Amino acid sequence: MWVPGLSLAPTLFPIRRALPADGPALELLEQLAERRLAAGPLLVVEVDGELVAAAPASGGPVVTDPFRVTLDVEEPLRLRSSQLRAAA
C-alpha cells in the first residue's frame, strides 16, 4: 500500500543554514508545529524543495512539519548542529 509522504527508498536531503528568504517558510513551520523556534542562527532541512524541519545551530529542539514524515531528518539535523558547535 502506498502512503503519501512515506518512502522506503533512501532520500537525500540538504541540511543548510537558514537564509533570510526562508522567513515565511519558517513561520509556516512554526504555525504547523505549534512550536516556536529559538532565536538565532538556524539549520533547516529541505525535502522536495520545502522546509520540513529546523533547529537552532546552537543546539536545541528540532521543529518539524507534523504533516510530513520527518523521523529520518531529525537525527541528522541534530548531528550536524553538534558538528558545527564542535568545530566552532
C-alpha atoms as a PDB file:
ATOM      1  CA  MET A   1       0.000   0.000   0.000  1.00  0.00           C
ATOM      2  CA  TRP A   2       1.331   3.441  -0.931  1.00  0.00           C
ATOM      3  CA  VAL A   3       1.233   6.096   1.778  1.00  0.00           C
ATOM      4  CA  PRO A   4       1.700   9.759   0.727  1.00  0.00           C
ATOM      5  CA  GLY A   5       4.915  11.195   2.131  1.00  0.00           C
ATOM      6  CA  LEU A   6       6.295   7.780   3.094  1.00  0.00           C
ATOM      7  CA  SER A   7       9.079   6.306   1.030  1.00  0.00           C
ATOM      8  CA  LEU A   8      11.050   3.148   1.639  1.00  0.00           C
ATOM      9  CA  ALA A   9      13.835   4.365  -0.641  1.00  0.00           C
ATOM     10  CA  PRO A  10      16.633   6.434   0.923  1.00  0.00           C
ATOM     11  CA  THR A  11      16.047  10.139   0.477  1.00  0.00           C
ATOM     12  CA  LEU A  12      18.785  12.704   0.136  1.00  0.00           C
ATOM     13  CA  PHE A  13      18.044  15.981   1.838  1.00  0.00           C
ATOM     14  CA  PRO A  14      20.162  19.070   2.262  1.00  0.00           C
ATOM     15  CA  ILE A  15      20.874  20.437   5.716  1.00  0.00           C
ATOM     16  CA  ARG A  16      21.832  24.092   5.477  1.00  0.00           C
ATOM     17  CA  ARG A  17      21.810  27.345   7.360  1.00  0.00           C
ATOM     18  CA  ALA A  18      18.552  29.239   7.156  1.00  0.00           C
ATOM     19  CA  LEU A  19      18.550  32.268   4.895  1.00  0.00           C
ATOM     20  CA  PRO A  20      16.537  35.488   5.258  1.00  0.00           C
ATOM     21  CA  ALA A  21      14.391  34.284   2.339  1.00  0.00           C
ATOM     22  CA  ASP A  22      13.350  31.274   4.468  1.00  0.00           C
ATOM     23  CA  GLY A  23      11.446  33.541   6.877  1.00  0.00           C
ATOM     24  CA  PRO A  24       7.944  32.815   5.528  1.00  0.00           C
ATOM     25  CA  ALA A  25       8.594  29.051   5.358  1.00  0.00           C
ATOM     26  CA  LEU A  26       9.967  29.060   8.923  1.00  0.00           C
ATOM     27  CA  GLU A  27       6.914  30.953  10.155  1.00  0.00           C
ATOM     28  CA  LEU A  28       4.660  28.401   8.456  1.00  0.00           C
ATOM     29  CA  LEU A  29       6.651  25.557  10.018  1.00  0.00           C
ATOM     30  CA  GLU A  30       6.200  27.132  13.472  1.00  0.00           C
ATOM     31  CA  GLN A  31       2.467  27.517  12.881  1.00  0.00           C
ATOM     32  CA  LEU A  32       2.018  23.941  11.672  1.00  0.00           C
ATOM     33  CA  ALA A  33       4.052  22.517  14.562  1.00  0.00           C
ATOM     34  CA  GLU A  34       2.519  24.940  17.084  1.00  0.00           C
ATOM     35  CA  ARG A  35       6.045  25.498  18.423  1.00  0.00           C
ATOM     36  CA  ARG A  36       8.439  28.442  18.294  1.00  0.00           C
ATOM     37  CA  LEU A  37      11.997  28.201  17.095  1.00  0.00           C
ATOM     38  CA  ALA A  38      14.712  29.664  19.288  1.00  0.00           C
ATOM     39  CA  ALA A  39      16.155  32.995  18.225  1.00  0.00           C
ATOM     40  CA  GLY A  40      19.495  32.972  16.446  1.00  0.00           C
ATOM     41  CA  PRO A  41      21.011  31.087  13.524  1.00  0.00           C
ATOM     42  CA  LEU A  42      19.019  28.078  12.385  1.00  0.00           C
ATOM     43  CA  LEU A  43      19.714  24.941  10.408  1.00  0.00           C
ATOM     44  CA  VAL A  44      16.977  23.720   8.088  1.00  0.00           C
ATOM     45  CA  VAL A  45      16.154  20.573   6.145  1.00  0.00           C
ATOM     46  CA  GLU A  46      14.530  20.683   2.727  1.00  0.00           C
ATOM     47  CA  VAL A  47      12.659  17.780   1.155  1.00  0.00           C
ATOM     48  CA  ASP A  48      11.271  18.222  -2.344  1.00  0.00           C
ATOM     49  CA  GLY A  49      12.034  21.939  -2.154  1.00  0.00           C
ATOM     50  CA  GLU A  50      10.060  22.527   1.066  1.00  0.00           C
ATOM     51  CA  LEU A  51      11.357  23.160   4.576  1.00  0.00           C
ATOM     52  CA  VAL A  52      10.263  20.257   6.753  1.00  0.00           C
ATOM     53  CA  ALA A  53      12.456  20.736   9.823  1.00  0.00           C
ATOM     54  CA  ALA A  54      14.519  23.374  11.568  1.00  0.00           C
ATOM     55  CA  ALA A  55      16.672  23.583  14.671  1.00  0.00           C
ATOM     56  CA  PRO A  56      18.904  26.158  16.336  1.00  0.00           C
ATOM     57  CA  ALA A  57      22.502  25.901  15.119  1.00  0.00           C
ATOM     58  CA  SER A  58      23.498  26.290  18.780  1.00  0.00           C
ATOM     59  CA  GLY A  59      21.555  23.161  19.713  1.00  0.00           C
ATOM     60  CA  GLY A  60      18.034  22.738  20.941  1.00  0.00           C
ATOM     61  CA  PRO A  61      14.755  21.147  19.966  1.00  0.00           C
ATOM     62  CA  VAL A  62      14.010  20.306  16.354  1.00  0.00           C
ATOM     63  CA  VAL A  63      10.749  21.710  14.983  1.00  0.00           C
ATOM     64  CA  THR A  64       9.216  19.557  12.251  1.00  0.00           C
ATOM     65  CA  ASP A  65       6.242  19.666   9.934  1.00  0.00           C
ATOM     66  CA  PRO A  66       3.665  17.437  11.670  1.00  0.00           C
ATOM     67  CA  PHE A  67       2.070  16.593   8.339  1.00  0.00           C
ATOM     68  CA  ARG A  68       5.237  15.096   6.812  1.00  0.00           C
ATOM     69  CA  VAL A  69       7.229  12.006   7.699  1.00  0.00           C
ATOM     70  CA  THR A  70      10.350  13.555   9.250  1.00  0.00           C
ATOM     71  CA  LEU A  71      11.824  10.893  11.517  1.00  0.00           C
ATOM     72  CA  ASP A  72      14.703  10.331   9.089  1.00  0.00           C
ATOM     73  CA  VAL A  73      15.745  14.009   9.146  1.00  0.00           C
ATOM     74  CA  GLU A  74      15.679  14.783  12.853  1.00  0.00           C
ATOM     75  CA  GLU A  75      18.788  12.897  13.971  1.00  0.00           C
ATOM     76  CA  PRO A  76      20.976  14.053  11.042  1.00  0.00           C
ATOM     77  CA  LEU A  77      19.885  17.628  11.806  1.00  0.00           C
ATOM     78  CA  ARG A  78      20.869  17.234  15.473  1.00  0.00           C
ATOM     79  CA  LEU A  79      24.163  15.638  14.440  1.00  0.00           C
ATOM     80  CA  ARG A  80      25.011  18.474  12.027  1.00  0.00           C
ATOM     81  CA  SER A  81      24.249  21.052  14.714  1.00  0.00           C
ATOM     82  CA  SER A  82      26.574  19.184  17.083  1.00  0.00           C
ATOM     83  CA  GLN A  83      29.332  19.043  14.444  1.00  0.00           C
ATOM     84  CA  LEU A  84      29.126  22.782  13.819  1.00  0.00           C
ATOM     85  CA  ARG A  85      29.277  23.553  17.554  1.00  0.00           C
ATOM     86  CA  ALA A  86      32.309  21.284  17.975  1.00  0.00           C
ATOM     87  CA  ALA A  87      34.096  22.971  15.072  1.00  0.00           C
ATOM     88  CA  ALA A  88      33.490  26.481  16.440  1.00  0.00           C
END
